[in-house]
Amino acid sequence: GKLNVELDKFREKCEKDQKEIEDLLDLKKRVERRELEEQRNAHIFKLEKRHREACEQTKSHYEEMYTENSTTSRQLQDDNNRLAQVELHHLTFIKGLEDE
């Protein structure tokens, strides 16, 4: 009778409350998951940015070294050419002395 009706109402209320709690927990889980994904994506973005910066610094460093080495190489070649000219001049001078 009346007790069964009250019991059914109470059971329906409990089931409704349980459904609301489950829905809230599900929403909370989805919000937390979204926050974690955003944090992860921000971290990945930061890592990618640092990686790009490190690559650019390395590239710049090697380009600078290449430029310096090229300049040094040209200077050495110029020095060698000057030494060869001086040596030729000296040899010519010595040959002139020998011929006298």
PDB file of N, CA and C in Angstrom:
ATOM      1  N   GLY A   1       0.788  -1.163   0.000  1.00  0.00           N
ATOM      2  CA  GLY A   1       0.000   0.000   0.000  1.00  0.00           C
ATOM      3  C   GLY A   1       0.847   1.250   0.000  1.00  0.00           C
ATOM      4  N   LYS A   2       0.472   2.047   1.038  1.00  0.00           N
ATOM      5  CA  LYS A   2       1.062   3.376   1.117  1.00  0.00           C
ATOM      6  C   LYS A   2       2.572   3.298   1.360  1.00  0.00           C
ATOM      7  N   LEU A   3       3.007   2.338   2.118  1.00  0.00           N
ATOM      8  CA  LEU A   3       4.433   2.173   2.398  1.00  0.00           C
ATOM      9  C   LEU A   3       5.199   1.881   1.116  1.00  0.00           C
ATOM     10  N   ASN A   4       4.630   1.022   0.245  1.00  0.00           N
ATOM     11  CA  ASN A   4       5.279   0.706  -1.028  1.00  0.00           C
ATOM     12  C   ASN A   4       5.354   1.940  -1.922  1.00  0.00           C
ATOM     13  N   VAL A   5       4.301   2.762  -1.898  1.00  0.00           N
ATOM     14  CA  VAL A   5       4.294   3.998  -2.710  1.00  0.00           C
ATOM     15  C   VAL A   5       5.395   4.926  -2.206  1.00  0.00           C
ATOM     16  N   GLU A   6       5.496   5.090  -0.892  1.00  0.00           N
ATOM     17  CA  GLU A   6       6.537   5.951  -0.309  1.00  0.00           C
ATOM     18  C   GLU A   6       7.928   5.397  -0.605  1.00  0.00           C
ATOM     19  N   LEU A   7       8.034   4.085  -0.510  1.00  0.00           N
ATOM     20  CA  LEU A   7       9.306   3.440  -0.795  1.00  0.00           C
ATOM     21  C   LEU A   7       9.697   3.656  -2.254  1.00  0.00           C
ATOM     22  N   ASP A   8       8.732   3.538  -3.169  1.00  0.00           N
ATOM     23  CA  ASP A   8       9.005   3.774  -4.592  1.00  0.00           C
ATOM     24  C   ASP A   8       9.422   5.227  -4.837  1.00  0.00           C
ATOM     25  N   LYS A   9       8.751   6.183  -4.172  1.00  0.00           N
ATOM     26  CA  LYS A   9       9.107   7.597  -4.305  1.00  0.00           C
ATOM     27  C   LYS A   9      10.532   7.838  -3.800  1.00  0.00           C
ATOM     28  N   PHE A  10      10.842   7.236  -2.643  1.00  0.00           N
ATOM     29  CA  PHE A  10      12.175   7.394  -2.065  1.00  0.00           C
ATOM     30  C   PHE A  10      13.236   6.796  -2.991  1.00  0.00           C
ATOM     31  N   ARG A  11      12.941   5.617  -3.553  1.00  0.00           N
ATOM     32  CA  ARG A  11      13.860   4.960  -4.477  1.00  0.00           C
ATOM     33  C   ARG A  11      14.071   5.840  -5.718  1.00  0.00           C
ATOM     34  N   GLU A  12      12.985   6.406  -6.249  1.00  0.00           N
ATOM     35  CA  GLU A  12      13.089   7.292  -7.424  1.00  0.00           C
ATOM     36  C   GLU A  12      13.929   8.524  -7.097  1.00  0.00           C
ATOM     37  N   LYS A  13      13.725   9.094  -5.903  1.00  0.00           N
ATOM     38  CA  LYS A  13      14.505  10.264  -5.492  1.00  0.00           C
ATOM     39  C   LYS A  13      15.980   9.900  -5.380  1.00  0.00           C
ATOM     40  N   CYS A  14      16.270   8.727  -4.779  1.00  0.00           N
ATOM     41  CA  CYS A  14      17.665   8.273  -4.646  1.00  0.00           C
ATOM     42  C   CYS A  14      18.296   8.053  -6.012  1.00  0.00           C
ATOM     43  N   GLU A  15      17.551   7.452  -6.918  1.00  0.00           N
ATOM     44  CA  GLU A  15      18.075   7.207  -8.263  1.00  0.00           C
ATOM     45  C   GLU A  15      18.324   8.534  -8.989  1.00  0.00           C
ATOM     46  N   LYS A  16      17.399   9.499  -8.805  1.00  0.00           N
ATOM     47  CA  LYS A  16      17.559  10.818  -9.421  1.00  0.00           C
ATOM     48  C   LYS A  16      18.784  11.526  -8.844  1.00  0.00           C
ATOM     49  N   ASP A  17      18.925  11.479  -7.506  1.00  0.00           N
ATOM     50  CA  ASP A  17      20.087  12.097  -6.855  1.00  0.00           C
ATOM     51  C   ASP A  17      21.383  11.438  -7.325  1.00  0.00           C
ATOM     52  N   GLN A  18      21.373  10.099  -7.422  1.00  0.00           N
ATOM     53  CA  GLN A  18      22.555   9.378  -7.871  1.00  0.00           C
ATOM     54  C   GLN A  18      22.907   9.792  -9.302  1.00  0.00           C
ATOM     55  N   LYS A  19      21.898   9.915 -10.146  1.00  0.00           N
ATOM     56  CA  LYS A  19      22.129  10.322 -11.546  1.00  0.00           C
ATOM     57  C   LYS A  19      22.726  11.731 -11.587  1.00  0.00           C
ATOM     58  N   GLU A  20      22.221  12.634 -10.772  1.00  0.00           N
ATOM     59  CA  GLU A  20      22.757  14.002 -10.730  1.00  0.00           C
ATOM     60  C   GLU A  20      24.221  14.008 -10.269  1.00  0.00           C
ATOM     61  N   ILE A  21      24.507  13.201  -9.243  1.00  0.00           N
ATOM     62  CA  ILE A  21      25.881  13.112  -8.730  1.00  0.00           C
ATOM     63  C   ILE A  21      26.796  12.524  -9.797  1.00  0.00           C
ATOM     64  N   GLU A  22      26.348  11.467 -10.478  1.00  0.00           N
ATOM     65  CA  GLU A  22      27.149  10.871 -11.547  1.00  0.00           C
ATOM     66  C   GLU A  22      27.392  11.879 -12.670  1.00  0.00           C
ATOM     67  N   ASP A  23      26.359  12.657 -13.026  1.00  0.00           N
ATOM     68  CA  ASP A  23      26.503  13.677 -14.080  1.00  0.00           C
ATOM     69  C   ASP A  23      27.503  14.753 -13.659  1.00  0.00           C
ATOM     70  N   LEU A  24      27.430  15.175 -12.396  1.00  0.00           N
ATOM     71  CA  LEU A  24      28.371  16.176 -11.893  1.00  0.00           C
ATOM     72  C   LEU A  24      29.809  15.648 -11.893  1.00  0.00           C
ATOM     73  N   LEU A  25      29.968  14.401 -11.467  1.00  0.00           N
ATOM     74  CA  LEU A  25      31.296  13.791 -11.469  1.00  0.00           C
ATOM     75  C   LEU A  25      31.837  13.666 -12.891  1.00  0.00           C
ATOM     76  N   ASP A  26      30.966  13.286 -13.810  1.00  0.00           N
ATOM     77  CA  ASP A  26      31.376  13.170 -15.207  1.00  0.00           C
ATOM     78  C   ASP A  26      31.807  14.534 -15.753  1.00  0.00           C
ATOM     79  N   LEU A  27      31.038  15.567 -15.445  1.00  0.00           N
ATOM     80  CA  LEU A  27      31.383  16.922 -15.875  1.00  0.00           C
ATOM     81  C   LEU A  27      32.723  17.349 -15.271  1.00  0.00           C
ATOM     82  N   LYS A  28      32.889  17.069 -13.979  1.00  0.00           N
ATOM     83  CA  LYS A  28      34.136  17.426 -13.305  1.00  0.00           C
ATOM     84  C   LYS A  28      35.326  16.716 -13.959  1.00  0.00           C
ATOM     85  N   LYS A  29      35.165  15.430 -14.291  1.00  0.00           N
ATOM     86  CA  LYS A  29      36.232  14.674 -14.950  1.00  0.00           C
ATOM     87  C   LYS A  29      36.572  15.292 -16.309  1.00  0.00           C
ATOM     88  N   ARG A  30      35.528  15.670 -17.071  1.00  0.00           N
ATOM     89  CA  ARG A  30      35.774  16.256 -18.389  1.00  0.00           C
ATOM     90  C   ARG A  30      36.495  17.595 -18.269  1.00  0.00           C
ATOM     91  N   VAL A  31      36.098  18.411 -17.276  1.00  0.00           N
ATOM     92  CA  VAL A  31      36.750  19.709 -17.065  1.00  0.00           C
ATOM     93  C   VAL A  31      38.224  19.495 -16.674  1.00  0.00           C
ATOM     94  N   GLU A  32      38.459  18.567 -15.761  1.00  0.00           N
ATOM     95  CA  GLU A  32      39.836  18.286 -15.334  1.00  0.00           C
ATOM     96  C   GLU A  32      40.676  17.759 -16.498  1.00  0.00           C
ATOM     97  N   ARG A  33      40.085  16.893 -17.314  1.00  0.00           N
ATOM     98  CA  ARG A  33      40.798  16.358 -18.472  1.00  0.00           C
ATOM     99  C   ARG A  33      41.153  17.484 -19.442  1.00  0.00           C
ATOM    100  N   ARG A  34      40.200  18.391 -19.664  1.00  0.00           N
ATOM    101  CA  ARG A  34      40.453  19.527 -20.561  1.00  0.00           C
ATOM    102  C   ARG A  34      41.577  20.405 -20.018  1.00  0.00           C
ATOM    103  N   GLU A  35      41.566  20.653 -18.704  1.00  0.00           N
ATOM    104  CA  GLU A  35      42.619  21.468 -18.080  1.00  0.00           C
ATOM    105  C   GLU A  35      43.985  20.796 -18.232  1.00  0.00           C
ATOM    106  N   LEU A  36      44.027  19.480 -18.018  1.00  0.00           N
ATOM    107  CA  LEU A  36      45.284  18.745 -18.177  1.00  0.00           C
ATOM    108  C   LEU A  36      45.783  18.804 -19.621  1.00  0.00           C
ATOM    109  N   GLU A  37      44.854  18.673 -20.576  1.00  0.00           N
ATOM    110  CA  GLU A  37      45.243  18.750 -21.986  1.00  0.00           C
ATOM    111  C   GLU A  37      45.799  20.135 -22.313  1.00  0.00           C
ATOM    112  N   GLU A  38      45.164  21.173 -21.774  1.00  0.00           N
ATOM    113  CA  GLU A  38      45.646  22.533 -22.014  1.00  0.00           C
ATOM    114  C   GLU A  38      47.039  22.737 -21.410  1.00  0.00           C
ATOM    115  N   GLN A  39      47.252  22.220 -20.201  1.00  0.00           N
ATOM    116  CA  GLN A  39      48.573  22.324 -19.569  1.00  0.00           C
ATOM    117  C   GLN A  39      49.617  21.563 -20.382  1.00  0.00           C
ATOM    118  N   ARG A  40      49.243  20.377 -20.827  1.00  0.00           N
ATOM    119  CA  ARG A  40      50.164  19.564 -21.634  1.00  0.00           C
ATOM    120  C   ARG A  40      50.511  20.294 -22.934  1.00  0.00           C
ATOM    121  N   ASN A  41      49.490  20.849 -23.602  1.00  0.00           N
ATOM    122  CA  ASN A  41      49.722  21.556 -24.862  1.00  0.00           C
ATOM    123  C   ASN A  41      50.598  22.789 -24.649  1.00  0.00           C
ATOM    124  N   ALA A  42      50.379  23.495 -23.549  1.00  0.00           N
ATOM    125  CA  ALA A  42      51.204  24.670 -23.241  1.00  0.00           C
ATOM    126  C   ALA A  42      52.650  24.237 -23.006  1.00  0.00           C
ATOM    127  N   HIS A  43      52.829  23.122 -22.311  1.00  0.00           N
ATOM    128  CA  HIS A  43      54.176  22.607 -22.045  1.00  0.00           C
ATOM    129  C   HIS A  43      54.856  22.195 -23.359  1.00  0.00           C
ATOM    130  N   ILE A  44      54.129  21.501 -24.214  1.00  0.00           N
ATOM    131  CA  ILE A  44      54.672  21.080 -25.511  1.00  0.00           C
ATOM    132  C   ILE A  44      55.052  22.318 -26.331  1.00  0.00           C
ATOM    133  N   PHE A  45      54.196  23.330 -26.326  1.00  0.00           N
ATOM    134  CA  PHE A  45      54.479  24.565 -27.070  1.00  0.00           C
ATOM    135  C   PHE A  45      55.773  25.205 -26.567  1.00  0.00           C
ATOM    136  N   LYS A  46      55.923  25.250 -25.234  1.00  0.00           N
ATOM    137  CA  LYS A  46      57.133  25.823 -24.636  1.00  0.00           C
ATOM    138  C   LYS A  46      58.376  25.035 -25.048  1.00  0.00           C
ATOM    139  N   LEU A  47      58.275  23.695 -25.006  1.00  0.00           N
ATOM    140  CA  LEU A  47      59.402  22.850 -25.394  1.00  0.00           C
ATOM    141  C   LEU A  47      59.762  23.055 -26.866  1.00  0.00           C
ATOM    142  N   GLU A  48      58.740  23.130 -27.726  1.00  0.00           N
ATOM    143  CA  GLU A  48      58.996  23.342 -29.152  1.00  0.00           C
ATOM    144  C   GLU A  48      59.657  24.699 -29.380  1.00  0.00           C
ATOM    145  N   LYS A  49      59.206  25.711 -28.653  1.00  0.00           N
ATOM    146  CA  LYS A  49      59.791  27.052 -28.789  1.00  0.00           C
ATOM    147  C   LYS A  49      61.256  27.031 -28.362  1.00  0.00           C
ATOM    148  N   ARG A  50      61.544  26.405 -27.223  1.00  0.00           N
ATOM    149  CA  ARG A  50      62.939  26.308 -26.749  1.00  0.00           C
ATOM    150  C   ARG A  50      63.799  25.551 -27.757  1.00  0.00           C
ATOM    151  N   HIS A  51      63.225  24.496 -28.342  1.00  0.00           N
ATOM    152  CA  HIS A  51      63.960  23.708 -29.326  1.00  0.00           C
ATOM    153  C   HIS A  51      64.293  24.567 -30.553  1.00  0.00           C
ATOM    154  N   ARG A  52      63.290  25.320 -31.046  1.00  0.00           N
ATOM    155  CA  ARG A  52      63.535  26.196 -32.201  1.00  0.00           C
ATOM    156  C   ARG A  52      64.613  27.226 -31.883  1.00  0.00           C
ATOM    157  N   GLU A  53      64.530  27.825 -30.690  1.00  0.00           N
ATOM    158  CA  GLU A  53      65.523  28.828 -30.293  1.00  0.00           C
ATOM    159  C   GLU A  53      66.916  28.212 -30.220  1.00  0.00           C
ATOM    160  N   ALA A  54      67.012  27.015 -29.657  1.00  0.00           N
ATOM    161  CA  ALA A  54      68.312  26.343 -29.553  1.00  0.00           C
ATOM    162  C   ALA A  54      68.856  26.028 -30.950  1.00  0.00           C
ATOM    163  N   CYS A  55      67.987  25.591 -31.844  1.00  0.00           N
ATOM    164  CA  CYS A  55      68.425  25.298 -33.221  1.00  0.00           C
ATOM    165  C   CYS A  55      68.902  26.573 -33.908  1.00  0.00           C
ATOM    166  N   GLU A  56      68.178  27.670 -33.722  1.00  0.00           N
ATOM    167  CA  GLU A  56      68.576  28.934 -34.334  1.00  0.00           C
ATOM    168  C   GLU A  56      69.916  29.415 -33.780  1.00  0.00           C
ATOM    169  N   GLN A  57      70.126  29.251 -32.470  1.00  0.00           N
ATOM    170  CA  GLN A  57      71.401  29.647 -31.872  1.00  0.00           C
ATOM    171  C   GLN A  57      72.538  28.789 -32.417  1.00  0.00           C
ATOM    172  N   THR A  58      72.295  27.498 -32.534  1.00  0.00           N
ATOM    173  CA  THR A  58      73.320  26.592 -33.056  1.00  0.00           C
ATOM    174  C   THR A  58      73.636  26.946 -34.503  1.00  0.00           C
ATOM    175  N   LYS A  59      72.599  27.172 -35.295  1.00  0.00           N
ATOM    176  CA  LYS A  59      72.798  27.535 -36.700  1.00  0.00           C
ATOM    177  C   LYS A  59      73.588  28.838 -36.799  1.00  0.00           C
ATOM    178  N   SER A  60      73.203  29.818 -36.008  1.00  0.00           N
ATOM    179  CA  SER A  60      73.897  31.104 -36.012  1.00  0.00           C
ATOM    180  C   SER A  60      75.360  30.931 -35.620  1.00  0.00           C
ATOM    181  N   HIS A  61      75.607  30.105 -34.612  1.00  0.00           N
ATOM    182  CA  HIS A  61      76.974  29.846 -34.154  1.00  0.00           C
ATOM    183  C   HIS A  61      77.808  29.239 -35.281  1.00  0.00           C
ATOM    184  N   TYR A  62      77.255  28.221 -35.967  1.00  0.00           N
ATOM    185  CA  TYR A  62      78.009  27.575 -37.039  1.00  0.00           C
ATOM    186  C   TYR A  62      78.203  28.498 -38.233  1.00  0.00           C
ATOM    187  N   GLU A  63      77.208  29.336 -38.523  1.00  0.00           N
ATOM    188  CA  GLU A  63      77.369  30.303 -39.615  1.00  0.00           C
ATOM    189  C   GLU A  63      78.480  31.305 -39.277  1.00  0.00           C
ATOM    190  N   GLU A  64      78.514  31.726 -38.015  1.00  0.00           N
ATOM    191  CA  GLU A  64      79.566  32.651 -37.568  1.00  0.00           C
ATOM    192  C   GLU A  64      80.944  31.982 -37.675  1.00  0.00           C
ATOM    193  N   MET A  65      81.012  30.733 -37.236  1.00  0.00           N
ATOM    194  CA  MET A  65      82.283  29.998 -37.327  1.00  0.00           C
ATOM    195  C   MET A  65      82.706  29.852 -38.789  1.00  0.00           C
ATOM    196  N   TYR A  66      81.743  29.543 -39.669  1.00  0.00           N
ATOM    197  CA  TYR A  66      82.048  29.370 -41.087  1.00  0.00           C
ATOM    198  C   TYR A  66      82.598  30.673 -41.665  1.00  0.00           C
ATOM    199  N   THR A  67      81.950  31.781 -41.323  1.00  0.00           N
ATOM    200  CA  THR A  67      82.398  33.087 -41.809  1.00  0.00           C
ATOM    201  C   THR A  67      83.808  33.386 -41.307  1.00  0.00           C
ATOM    202  N   GLU A  68      84.028  33.159 -40.018  1.00  0.00           N
ATOM    203  CA  GLU A  68      85.357  33.401 -39.449  1.00  0.00           C
ATOM    204  C   GLU A  68      86.403  32.502 -40.104  1.00  0.00           C
ATOM    205  N   ASN A  69      86.062  31.231 -40.309  1.00  0.00           N
ATOM    206  CA  ASN A  69      87.006  30.294 -40.933  1.00  0.00           C
ATOM    207  C   ASN A  69      87.287  30.689 -42.386  1.00  0.00           C
ATOM    208  N   SER A  70      86.243  31.144 -43.077  1.00  0.00           N
ATOM    209  CA  SER A  70      86.434  31.569 -44.466  1.00  0.00           C
ATOM    210  C   SER A  70      87.357  32.775 -44.526  1.00  0.00           C
ATOM    211  N   THR A  71      87.135  33.720 -43.612  1.00  0.00           N
ATOM    212  CA  THR A  71      87.985  34.913 -43.560  1.00  0.00           C
ATOM    213  C   THR A  71      89.425  34.522 -43.237  1.00  0.00           C
ATOM    214  N   THR A  72      89.590  33.659 -42.249  1.00  0.00           N
ATOM    215  CA  THR A  72      90.927  33.195 -41.864  1.00  0.00           C
ATOM    216  C   THR A  72      91.588  32.463 -43.026  1.00  0.00           C
ATOM    217  N   SER A  73      90.829  31.641 -43.714  1.00  0.00           N
ATOM    218  CA  SER A  73      91.370  30.895 -44.850  1.00  0.00           C
ATOM    219  C   SER A  73      91.830  31.859 -45.942  1.00  0.00           C
ATOM    220  N   ARG A  74      91.019  32.885 -46.244  1.00  0.00           N
ATOM    221  CA  ARG A  74      91.416  33.872 -47.253  1.00  0.00           C
ATOM    222  C   ARG A  74      92.672  34.621 -46.806  1.00  0.00           C
ATOM    223  N   GLN A  75      92.726  34.968 -45.515  1.00  0.00           N
ATOM    224  CA  GLN A  75      93.909  35.676 -45.003  1.00  0.00           C
ATOM    225  C   GLN A  75      95.154  34.801 -45.124  1.00  0.00           C
ATOM    226  N   LEU A  76      95.011  33.516 -44.800  1.00  0.00           N
ATOM    227  CA  LEU A  76      96.146  32.593 -44.926  1.00  0.00           C
ATOM    228  C   LEU A  76      96.584  32.470 -46.383  1.00  0.00           C
ATOM    229  N   GLN A  77      95.612  32.389 -47.283  1.00  0.00           N
ATOM    230  CA  GLN A  77      95.937  32.296 -48.712  1.00  0.00           C
ATOM    231  C   GLN A  77      96.663  33.563 -49.167  1.00  0.00           C
ATOM    232  N   ASP A  78      96.157  34.727 -48.732  1.00  0.00           N
ATOM    233  CA  ASP A  78      96.819  35.989 -49.068  1.00  0.00           C
ATOM    234  C   ASP A  78      98.247  36.018 -48.511  1.00  0.00           C
ATOM    235  N   ASP A  79      98.412  35.572 -47.267  1.00  0.00           N
ATOM    236  CA  ASP A  79      99.749  35.519 -46.655  1.00  0.00           C
ATOM    237  C   ASP A  79     100.675  34.597 -47.454  1.00  0.00           C
ATOM    238  N   ASN A  80     100.154  33.444 -47.849  1.00  0.00           N
ATOM    239  CA  ASN A  80     100.950  32.500 -48.645  1.00  0.00           C
ATOM    240  C   ASN A  80     101.358  33.126 -49.973  1.00  0.00           C
ATOM    241  N   ASN A  81     100.427  33.834 -50.596  1.00  0.00           N
ATOM    242  CA  ASN A  81     100.747  34.490 -51.876  1.00  0.00           C
ATOM    243  C   ASN A  81     101.834  35.550 -51.686  1.00  0.00           C
ATOM    244  N   ARG A  82     101.711  36.350 -50.606  1.00  0.00           N
ATOM    245  CA  ARG A  82     102.729  37.370 -50.326  1.00  0.00           C
ATOM    246  C   ARG A  82     104.096  36.721 -50.053  1.00  0.00           C
ATOM    247  N   LEU A  83     104.091  35.630 -49.274  1.00  0.00           N
ATOM    248  CA  LEU A  83     105.340  34.921 -48.990  1.00  0.00           C
ATOM    249  C   LEU A  83     105.954  34.371 -50.273  1.00  0.00           C
ATOM    250  N   ALA A  84     105.115  33.851 -51.152  1.00  0.00           N
ATOM    251  CA  ALA A  84     105.619  33.322 -52.423  1.00  0.00           C
ATOM    252  C   ALA A  84     106.235  34.453 -53.250  1.00  0.00           C
ATOM    253  N   GLN A  85     105.613  35.626 -53.226  1.00  0.00           N
ATOM    254  CA  GLN A  85     106.156  36.778 -53.963  1.00  0.00           C
ATOM    255  C   GLN A  85     107.497  37.233 -53.356  1.00  0.00           C
ATOM    256  N   VAL A  86     107.528  37.277 -52.005  1.00  0.00           N
ATOM    257  CA  VAL A  86     108.774  37.666 -51.332  1.00  0.00           C
ATOM    258  C   VAL A  86     109.865  36.651 -51.641  1.00  0.00           C
ATOM    259  N   GLU A  87     109.515  35.360 -51.587  1.00  0.00           N
ATOM    260  CA  GLU A  87     110.487  34.314 -51.872  1.00  0.00           C
ATOM    261  C   GLU A  87     110.998  34.438 -53.310  1.00  0.00           C
ATOM    262  N   LEU A  88     110.081  34.677 -54.255  1.00  0.00           N
ATOM    263  CA  LEU A  88     110.477  34.843 -55.651  1.00  0.00           C
ATOM    264  C   LEU A  88     111.397  36.057 -55.798  1.00  0.00           C
ATOM    265  N   HIS A  89     111.032  37.124 -55.125  1.00  0.00           N
ATOM    266  CA  HIS A  89     111.851  38.345 -55.170  1.00  0.00           C
ATOM    267  C   HIS A  89     113.251  38.059 -54.622  1.00  0.00           C
ATOM    268  N   HIS A  90     113.314  37.365 -53.476  1.00  0.00           N
ATOM    269  CA  HIS A  90     114.612  37.022 -52.877  1.00  0.00           C
ATOM    270  C   HIS A  90     115.420  36.108 -53.793  1.00  0.00           C
ATOM    271  N   LEU A  91     114.756  35.099 -54.361  1.00  0.00           N
ATOM    272  CA  LEU A  91     115.457  34.183 -55.268  1.00  0.00           C
ATOM    273  C   LEU A  91     115.995  34.929 -56.489  1.00  0.00           C
ATOM    274  N   THR A  92     115.178  35.851 -56.998  1.00  0.00           N
ATOM    275  CA  THR A  92     115.611  36.653 -58.147  1.00  0.00           C
ATOM    276  C   THR A  92     116.797  37.528 -57.759  1.00  0.00           C
ATOM    277  N   PHE A  93     116.711  38.105 -56.556  1.00  0.00           N
ATOM    278  CA  PHE A  93     117.794  38.961 -56.066  1.00  0.00           C
ATOM    279  C   PHE A  93     119.091  38.151 -55.909  1.00  0.00           C
ATOM    280  N   ILE A  94     118.946  36.954 -55.297  1.00  0.00           N
ATOM    281  CA  ILE A  94     120.112  36.090 -55.079  1.00  0.00           C
ATOM    282  C   ILE A  94     120.698  35.661 -56.430  1.00  0.00           C
ATOM    283  N   LYS A  95     119.835  35.306 -57.360  1.00  0.00           N
ATOM    284  CA  LYS A  95     120.283  34.892 -58.693  1.00  0.00           C
ATOM    285  C   LYS A  95     121.042  36.029 -59.361  1.00  0.00           C
ATOM    286  N   GLY A  96     120.538  37.283 -59.159  1.00  0.00           N
ATOM    287  CA  GLY A  96     121.225  38.456 -59.713  1.00  0.00           C
ATOM    288  C   GLY A  96     122.578  38.620 -59.094  1.00  0.00           C
ATOM    289  N   LEU A  97     122.698  38.360 -57.796  1.00  0.00           N
ATOM    290  CA  LEU A  97     123.991  38.466 -57.125  1.00  0.00           C
ATOM    291  C   LEU A  97     124.956  37.406 -57.628  1.00  0.00           C
ATOM    292  N   GLU A  98     124.438  36.225 -57.848  1.00  0.00           N
ATOM    293  CA  GLU A  98     125.287  35.134 -58.334  1.00  0.00           C
ATOM    294  C   GLU A  98     125.786  35.397 -59.745  1.00  0.00           C
ATOM    295  N   ASP A  99     124.946  36.039 -60.528  1.00  0.00           N
ATOM    296  CA  ASP A  99     125.314  36.309 -61.927  1.00  0.00           C
ATOM    297  C   ASP A  99     126.364  37.410 -62.034  1.00  0.00           C
ATOM    298  N   GLU A 100     126.507  38.229 -61.027  1.00  0.00           N
ATOM    299  CA  GLU A 100     127.463  39.328 -61.089  1.00  0.00           C
ATOM    300  C   GLU A 100     128.882  38.888 -61.005  1.00  0.00           C
TER     301      GLU A 100
END
